[in-house]
Amino acid sequence: MELICPKCGAGMRTYERNGIHIDQCTSCRGVFLDRGELEHLVDAEQAFYKPAPAAPASAPAQPQVQYYYGHKKKKSLLTELFDF
């Protein structure tokens, strides 16, 4: 059974990313989720950005110096998820 886009009436394709079925229109590229899938995506995004555990208190604090050498910025989970 082919799904029809509710916006433009074109056919849709279904992708599976991280256990979530994503329906995307082949024409307007609209993305449609089933019930509960948005909440699942939000939970996955929060887990992706969960802060790292704190350093042990006994270690002296060292200044953190970060250098940028033109490398690509890390993509978010949602960006990777919808990168078709």
N, C-alpha and C. Protein backbone atom coordinates (compact mmCIF):
# COMPACT_ATOMS: atom_id res chain seq x y z
N MET A 1 0.83 -1.17 0.00
CA MET A 1 0.00 0.00 0.00
C MET A 1 0.89 1.25 0.00
N GLU A 2 0.74 2.05 -1.02
CA GLU A 2 1.55 3.26 -1.13
C GLU A 2 0.88 4.40 -0.36
N LEU A 3 1.69 5.10 0.42
CA LEU A 3 1.18 6.26 1.16
C LEU A 3 1.16 7.47 0.24
N ILE A 4 0.17 8.32 0.43
CA ILE A 4 0.02 9.54 -0.35
C ILE A 4 0.27 10.73 0.58
N CYS A 5 1.05 11.69 0.11
CA CYS A 5 1.37 12.88 0.88
C CYS A 5 0.10 13.70 1.12
N PRO A 6 -0.19 14.05 2.38
CA PRO A 6 -1.38 14.85 2.64
C PRO A 6 -1.23 16.30 2.19
N LYS A 7 -0.02 16.74 1.91
CA LYS A 7 0.20 18.13 1.50
C LYS A 7 0.07 18.30 -0.01
N CYS A 8 0.77 17.45 -0.79
CA CYS A 8 0.79 17.66 -2.24
C CYS A 8 0.21 16.50 -3.05
N GLY A 9 -0.08 15.38 -2.40
CA GLY A 9 -0.70 14.25 -3.09
C GLY A 9 0.26 13.31 -3.81
N ALA A 10 1.57 13.54 -3.70
CA ALA A 10 2.56 12.66 -4.34
C ALA A 10 2.78 11.42 -3.48
N GLY A 11 3.49 10.46 -4.03
CA GLY A 11 3.82 9.25 -3.30
C GLY A 11 4.85 9.51 -2.21
N MET A 12 4.88 8.63 -1.22
CA MET A 12 5.81 8.79 -0.11
C MET A 12 6.67 7.55 0.03
N ARG A 13 7.87 7.75 0.57
CA ARG A 13 8.78 6.64 0.86
C ARG A 13 8.93 6.54 2.37
N THR A 14 9.16 5.33 2.86
CA THR A 14 9.35 5.10 4.28
C THR A 14 10.80 4.72 4.52
N TYR A 15 11.41 5.41 5.49
CA TYR A 15 12.78 5.14 5.90
C TYR A 15 12.75 4.68 7.35
N GLU A 16 13.71 3.85 7.71
CA GLU A 16 13.85 3.46 9.11
C GLU A 16 15.19 3.96 9.60
N ARG A 17 15.16 4.79 10.63
CA ARG A 17 16.38 5.33 11.23
C ARG A 17 16.27 5.15 12.73
N ASN A 18 17.21 4.46 13.31
CA ASN A 18 17.26 4.24 14.77
C ASN A 18 15.95 3.67 15.30
N GLY A 19 15.34 2.76 14.56
CA GLY A 19 14.11 2.11 15.00
C GLY A 19 12.86 2.94 14.81
N ILE A 20 12.96 4.07 14.12
CA ILE A 20 11.81 4.94 13.89
C ILE A 20 11.50 4.94 12.40
N HIS A 21 10.22 4.74 12.06
CA HIS A 21 9.80 4.77 10.66
C HIS A 21 9.41 6.20 10.31
N ILE A 22 10.08 6.74 9.30
CA ILE A 22 9.87 8.11 8.87
C ILE A 22 9.30 8.07 7.46
N ASP A 23 8.16 8.72 7.26
CA ASP A 23 7.54 8.81 5.94
C ASP A 23 7.92 10.15 5.34
N GLN A 24 8.50 10.12 4.13
CA GLN A 24 8.91 11.36 3.47
C GLN A 24 8.34 11.40 2.06
N CYS A 25 7.79 12.57 1.71
CA CYS A 25 7.21 12.77 0.39
C CYS A 25 8.33 12.82 -0.66
N THR A 26 8.10 12.18 -1.78
CA THR A 26 9.10 12.17 -2.85
C THR A 26 9.10 13.47 -3.64
N SER A 27 8.04 14.28 -3.50
CA SER A 27 7.94 15.52 -4.24
C SER A 27 8.29 16.74 -3.39
N CYS A 28 7.51 17.00 -2.34
CA CYS A 28 7.74 18.20 -1.53
C CYS A 28 8.74 17.96 -0.41
N ARG A 29 9.18 16.71 -0.21
CA ARG A 29 10.16 16.32 0.80
C ARG A 29 9.66 16.52 2.23
N GLY A 30 8.34 16.65 2.41
CA GLY A 30 7.76 16.76 3.75
C GLY A 30 8.01 15.48 4.53
N VAL A 31 8.19 15.61 5.83
CA VAL A 31 8.46 14.47 6.71
C VAL A 31 7.27 14.30 7.64
N PHE A 32 6.78 13.07 7.75
CA PHE A 32 5.61 12.77 8.56
C PHE A 32 5.95 11.62 9.50
N LEU A 33 5.55 11.79 10.77
CA LEU A 33 5.82 10.80 11.80
C LEU A 33 4.51 10.23 12.32
N ASP A 34 4.55 8.99 12.78
CA ASP A 34 3.38 8.37 13.40
C ASP A 34 3.32 8.77 14.87
N ARG A 35 2.22 8.44 15.51
CA ARG A 35 2.02 8.78 16.92
C ARG A 35 3.17 8.23 17.78
N GLY A 36 3.71 9.06 18.63
CA GLY A 36 4.75 8.64 19.57
C GLY A 36 6.16 8.74 19.02
N GLU A 37 6.31 8.86 17.72
CA GLU A 37 7.66 8.87 17.14
C GLU A 37 8.39 10.19 17.41
N LEU A 38 7.68 11.29 17.49
CA LEU A 38 8.32 12.56 17.81
C LEU A 38 8.89 12.50 19.23
N GLU A 39 8.14 11.95 20.16
CA GLU A 39 8.62 11.82 21.53
C GLU A 39 9.86 10.93 21.58
N HIS A 40 9.86 9.87 20.79
CA HIS A 40 11.01 8.97 20.72
C HIS A 40 12.23 9.73 20.18
N LEU A 41 12.04 10.57 19.18
CA LEU A 41 13.13 11.37 18.63
C LEU A 41 13.67 12.37 19.66
N VAL A 42 12.77 13.00 20.40
CA VAL A 42 13.19 13.96 21.42
C VAL A 42 14.00 13.26 22.51
N ASP A 43 13.55 12.08 22.94
CA ASP A 43 14.29 11.31 23.95
C ASP A 43 15.67 10.92 23.44
N ALA A 44 15.75 10.50 22.17
CA ALA A 44 17.04 10.12 21.59
C ALA A 44 17.96 11.32 21.49
N GLU A 45 17.42 12.49 21.14
CA GLU A 45 18.22 13.72 21.06
C GLU A 45 18.76 14.10 22.43
N GLN A 46 17.94 14.00 23.46
CA GLN A 46 18.39 14.32 24.81
C GLN A 46 19.47 13.36 25.28
N ALA A 47 19.33 12.08 24.96
CA ALA A 47 20.35 11.10 25.33
C ALA A 47 21.66 11.37 24.58
N PHE A 48 21.55 11.84 23.34
CA PHE A 48 22.72 12.14 22.52
C PHE A 48 23.54 13.29 23.13
N TYR A 49 22.84 14.29 23.69
CA TYR A 49 23.50 15.46 24.25
C TYR A 49 23.66 15.39 25.76
N LYS A 50 23.47 14.23 26.35
CA LYS A 50 23.60 14.07 27.78
C LYS A 50 25.01 14.48 28.20
N PRO A 51 25.14 15.33 29.25
CA PRO A 51 26.47 15.79 29.64
C PRO A 51 27.36 14.64 30.11
N ALA A 52 28.64 14.80 29.86
CA ALA A 52 29.62 13.79 30.28
C ALA A 52 29.71 13.80 31.80
N PRO A 53 30.09 12.67 32.40
CA PRO A 53 30.22 12.63 33.85
C PRO A 53 31.29 13.62 34.32
N ALA A 54 31.08 14.18 35.49
CA ALA A 54 32.02 15.17 36.05
C ALA A 54 33.35 14.50 36.40
N ALA A 55 34.42 15.28 36.31
CA ALA A 55 35.75 14.78 36.66
C ALA A 55 35.82 14.56 38.16
N PRO A 56 36.66 13.63 38.61
CA PRO A 56 36.80 13.39 40.05
C PRO A 56 37.24 14.67 40.76
N ALA A 57 36.74 14.86 41.98
CA ALA A 57 37.03 16.08 42.75
C ALA A 57 38.50 16.15 43.18
N SER A 58 39.18 15.01 43.29
CA SER A 58 40.56 15.00 43.77
C SER A 58 41.55 15.53 42.72
N ALA A 59 41.19 15.50 41.47
CA ALA A 59 42.10 15.97 40.43
C ALA A 59 42.04 17.49 40.34
N PRO A 60 43.21 18.15 40.28
CA PRO A 60 43.19 19.61 40.15
C PRO A 60 42.62 20.00 38.79
N ALA A 61 41.89 21.10 38.79
CA ALA A 61 41.27 21.57 37.55
C ALA A 61 42.33 22.11 36.60
N GLN A 62 42.31 21.64 35.39
CA GLN A 62 43.24 22.09 34.36
C GLN A 62 42.46 22.99 33.40
N PRO A 63 43.05 24.09 32.98
CA PRO A 63 42.34 24.92 32.00
C PRO A 63 42.15 24.15 30.69
N GLN A 64 40.97 24.27 30.15
CA GLN A 64 40.65 23.59 28.90
C GLN A 64 40.89 24.55 27.73
N VAL A 65 41.76 24.15 26.83
CA VAL A 65 42.05 24.95 25.65
C VAL A 65 41.60 24.14 24.44
N GLN A 66 40.76 24.75 23.64
CA GLN A 66 40.29 24.05 22.44
C GLN A 66 40.70 24.86 21.22
N TYR A 67 41.15 24.16 20.23
CA TYR A 67 41.57 24.80 18.99
C TYR A 67 40.65 24.35 17.88
N TYR A 68 40.37 25.24 16.96
CA TYR A 68 39.51 24.92 15.82
C TYR A 68 40.38 24.95 14.57
N TYR A 69 40.42 23.82 13.88
CA TYR A 69 41.24 23.69 12.68
C TYR A 69 40.41 23.54 11.42
N GLY A 70 39.18 24.01 11.45
CA GLY A 70 38.34 23.94 10.26
C GLY A 70 37.64 22.61 10.08
N HIS A 71 37.63 21.76 11.11
CA HIS A 71 36.91 20.49 11.01
C HIS A 71 35.42 20.75 11.08
N LYS A 72 34.66 19.84 10.52
CA LYS A 72 33.22 19.97 10.54
C LYS A 72 32.69 19.87 11.97
N LYS A 73 31.69 20.67 12.26
CA LYS A 73 31.04 20.63 13.55
C LYS A 73 30.23 19.33 13.65
N LYS A 74 30.20 18.75 14.83
CA LYS A 74 29.45 17.52 15.04
C LYS A 74 27.97 17.77 14.78
N LYS A 75 27.35 16.91 13.99
CA LYS A 75 25.94 17.06 13.67
C LYS A 75 25.11 16.56 14.84
N SER A 76 23.92 17.10 14.96
CA SER A 76 23.01 16.62 15.98
C SER A 76 22.38 15.31 15.52
N LEU A 77 21.80 14.61 16.44
CA LEU A 77 21.15 13.34 16.12
C LEU A 77 20.02 13.56 15.12
N LEU A 78 19.24 14.62 15.29
CA LEU A 78 18.14 14.87 14.36
C LEU A 78 18.65 15.19 12.97
N THR A 79 19.76 15.92 12.87
CA THR A 79 20.33 16.24 11.56
C THR A 79 20.77 14.96 10.87
N GLU A 80 21.43 14.07 11.62
CA GLU A 80 21.87 12.80 11.03
C GLU A 80 20.69 11.92 10.69
N LEU A 81 19.65 11.98 11.51
CA LEU A 81 18.48 11.14 11.30
C LEU A 81 17.76 11.50 10.03
N PHE A 82 17.64 12.79 9.73
CA PHE A 82 16.90 13.24 8.55
C PHE A 82 17.80 13.52 7.37
N ASP A 83 19.06 13.15 7.41
CA ASP A 83 19.98 13.35 6.32
C ASP A 83 19.83 12.22 5.32
N PHE A 84 18.93 12.38 4.36
CA PHE A 84 18.62 11.31 3.40
C PHE A 84 19.54 11.39 2.25
